C-alpha atoms as a PDB file:
ATOM      1  CA  MET A   1     115.461 105.181 108.141  1.00  0.00           C
ATOM      2  CA  GLY A   2     117.483 108.318 107.615  1.00  0.00           C
ATOM      3  CA  GLY A   3     118.709 110.280 104.559  1.00  0.00           C
ATOM      4  CA  ASN A   4     117.707 109.898 101.428  1.00  0.00           C
ATOM      5  CA  ILE A   5     118.121 105.964 101.092  1.00  0.00           C
ATOM      6  CA  ALA A   6     115.036 104.042 100.109  1.00  0.00           C
ATOM      7  CA  ILE A   7     114.235 100.669 100.050  1.00  0.00           C
ATOM      8  CA  HIS A   8     112.795  99.370  96.776  1.00  0.00           C
ATOM      9  CA  LEU A   9     109.929  97.397  96.594  1.00  0.00           C
ATOM     10  CA  ALA A  10     108.992  95.194  93.731  1.00  0.00           C
ATOM     11  CA  VAL A  11     105.015  94.475  94.110  1.00  0.00           C
ATOM     12  CA  ALA A  12     103.951  90.727  92.004  1.00  0.00           C
ATOM     13  CA  VAL A  13      99.981  90.630  92.196  1.00  0.00           C
ATOM     14  CA  SER A  14      97.276  89.483  89.996  1.00  0.00           C
ATOM     15  CA  SER A  15      94.940  91.757  91.296  1.00  0.00           C
ATOM     16  CA  ASN A  16      94.599  95.601  90.549  1.00  0.00           C
ATOM     17  CA  LEU A  17      92.630  95.868  93.489  1.00  0.00           C
ATOM     18  CA  VAL A  18      95.359  94.774  95.796  1.00  0.00           C
ATOM     19  CA  ARG A  19      98.064  96.409  93.838  1.00  0.00           C
ATOM     20  CA  ASP A  20      96.316  99.877  93.646  1.00  0.00           C
ATOM     21  CA  GLY A  21      95.998  99.454  97.697  1.00  0.00           C
ATOM     22  CA  ILE A  22      99.422  98.175  98.445  1.00  0.00           C
ATOM     23  CA  TYR A  23     100.495 101.253  95.900  1.00  0.00           C
ATOM     24  CA  LYS A  24      97.941 103.831  97.850  1.00  0.00           C
ATOM     25  CA  LEU A  25      99.324 102.418 101.268  1.00  0.00           C
ATOM     26  CA  LEU A  26     103.008 102.967 100.771  1.00  0.00           C
ATOM     27  CA  GLU A  27     103.002 105.992  97.995  1.00  0.00           C
ATOM     28  CA  ASN A  28     103.784 108.667 100.822  1.00  0.00           C
ATOM     29  CA  GLU A  29     106.340 106.737 102.960  1.00  0.00           C
ATOM     30  CA  LYS A  30     109.658 108.720 101.714  1.00  0.00           C
ATOM     31  CA  ASP A  31     112.183 105.382 102.802  1.00  0.00           C
ATOM     32  CA  ILE A  32     109.745 103.451 100.074  1.00  0.00           C
ATOM     33  CA  GLU A  33     109.878 103.477  96.377  1.00  0.00           C
ATOM     34  CA  ILE A  34     107.480 100.919  95.017  1.00  0.00           C
ATOM     35  CA  ILE A  35     109.129  99.730  91.726  1.00  0.00           C
ATOM     36  CA  GLY A  36     107.485  96.766  88.904  1.00  0.00           C
ATOM     37  CA  THR A  37     104.167  97.425  90.112  1.00  0.00           C
ATOM     38  CA  GLU A  38     102.540  95.526  86.787  1.00  0.00           C
ATOM     39  CA  THR A  39     104.785  92.274  87.484  1.00  0.00           C
ATOM     40  CA  SER A  40     102.213  89.484  87.065  1.00  0.00           C
ATOM     41  CA  THR A  41     104.173  86.642  85.573  1.00  0.00           C
ATOM     42  CA  GLN A  42     106.917  85.014  86.262  1.00  0.00           C
ATOM     43  CA  LEU A  43     109.097  86.233  83.594  1.00  0.00           C
ATOM     44  CA  GLU A  44     108.090  89.931  84.363  1.00  0.00           C
ATOM     45  CA  ILE A  45     108.754  89.256  88.185  1.00  0.00           C
ATOM     46  CA  ILE A  46     112.149  87.742  86.982  1.00  0.00           C
ATOM     47  CA  GLN A  47     113.099  90.658  84.364  1.00  0.00           C
ATOM     48  CA  ILE A  48     111.911  93.360  87.290  1.00  0.00           C
ATOM     49  CA  VAL A  49     114.373  91.845  89.664  1.00  0.00           C
ATOM     50  CA  GLU A  50     117.379  91.932  86.802  1.00  0.00           C
ATOM     51  CA  GLN A  51     116.727  95.396  85.848  1.00  0.00           C
ATOM     52  CA  LYS A  52     115.759  97.052  88.948  1.00  0.00           C
ATOM     53  CA  GLU A  53     117.319  94.753  92.056  1.00  0.00           C
ATOM     54  CA  PRO A  54     114.549  95.325  94.390  1.00  0.00           C
ATOM     55  CA  GLU A  55     115.719  94.717  97.998  1.00  0.00           C
ATOM     56  CA  VAL A  56     111.988  93.749  99.125  1.00  0.00           C
ATOM     57  CA  LEU A  57     109.754  91.424  96.420  1.00  0.00           C
ATOM     58  CA  PHE A  58     106.150  91.197  97.342  1.00  0.00           C
ATOM     59  CA  ILE A  59     104.662  87.945  96.138  1.00  0.00           C
ATOM     60  CA  ASP A  60     101.168  86.966  95.301  1.00  0.00           C
ATOM     61  CA  THR A  61     101.372  83.037  96.118  1.00  0.00           C
ATOM     62  CA  SER A  62      97.530  82.730  94.031  1.00  0.00           C
ATOM     63  CA  ILE A  63      98.934  84.374  90.784  1.00  0.00           C
ATOM     64  CA  SER A  64      97.654  81.664  88.068  1.00  0.00           C
ATOM     65  CA  LYS A  65     100.541  79.446  86.875  1.00  0.00           C
ATOM     66  CA  LEU A  66     103.168  80.992  88.935  1.00  0.00           C
ATOM     67  CA  ASP A  67     105.609  78.791  90.654  1.00  0.00           C
ATOM     68  CA  VAL A  68     106.320  81.187  93.305  1.00  0.00           C
ATOM     69  CA  VAL A  69     109.329  78.530  94.999  1.00  0.00           C
ATOM     70  CA  GLU A  70     110.872  78.258  91.187  1.00  0.00           C
ATOM     71  CA  ILE A  71     110.675  81.788  91.081  1.00  0.00           C
ATOM     72  CA  LEU A  72     112.433  82.675  94.592  1.00  0.00           C
ATOM     73  CA  GLN A  73     114.986  79.748  93.441  1.00  0.00           C
ATOM     74  CA  LEU A  74     116.042  81.429  90.332  1.00  0.00           C
ATOM     75  CA  ILE A  75     116.292  84.976  91.391  1.00  0.00           C
ATOM     76  CA  SER A  76     118.321  83.261  94.793  1.00  0.00           C
ATOM     77  CA  GLU A  77     120.970  81.707  92.043  1.00  0.00           C
ATOM     78  CA  LYS A  78     121.305  84.366  90.265  1.00  0.00           C
ATOM     79  CA  HIS A  79     121.279  86.968  92.851  1.00  0.00           C
ATOM     80  CA  ALA A  80     123.536  85.494  95.727  1.00  0.00           C
ATOM     81  CA  ARG A  81     124.983  88.250  97.474  1.00  0.00           C
END
């Protein structure tokens, strides 16, 4: 990507190790801005999407008590373009 355009990435994972690894891997990428790295519950994920409007959402499917399909459906309904 060129210019000052960045892809906004929200990371929703329960493991601090994985979350920190993703951040370290991507922190120097000028075209990627990581937002919402502390999201780990269904409510937090929906809130970060509503507030920050990331273009990419990375969801850990092993987060306990998290219905990923339901989250994606809610996000799709609210943010259909």
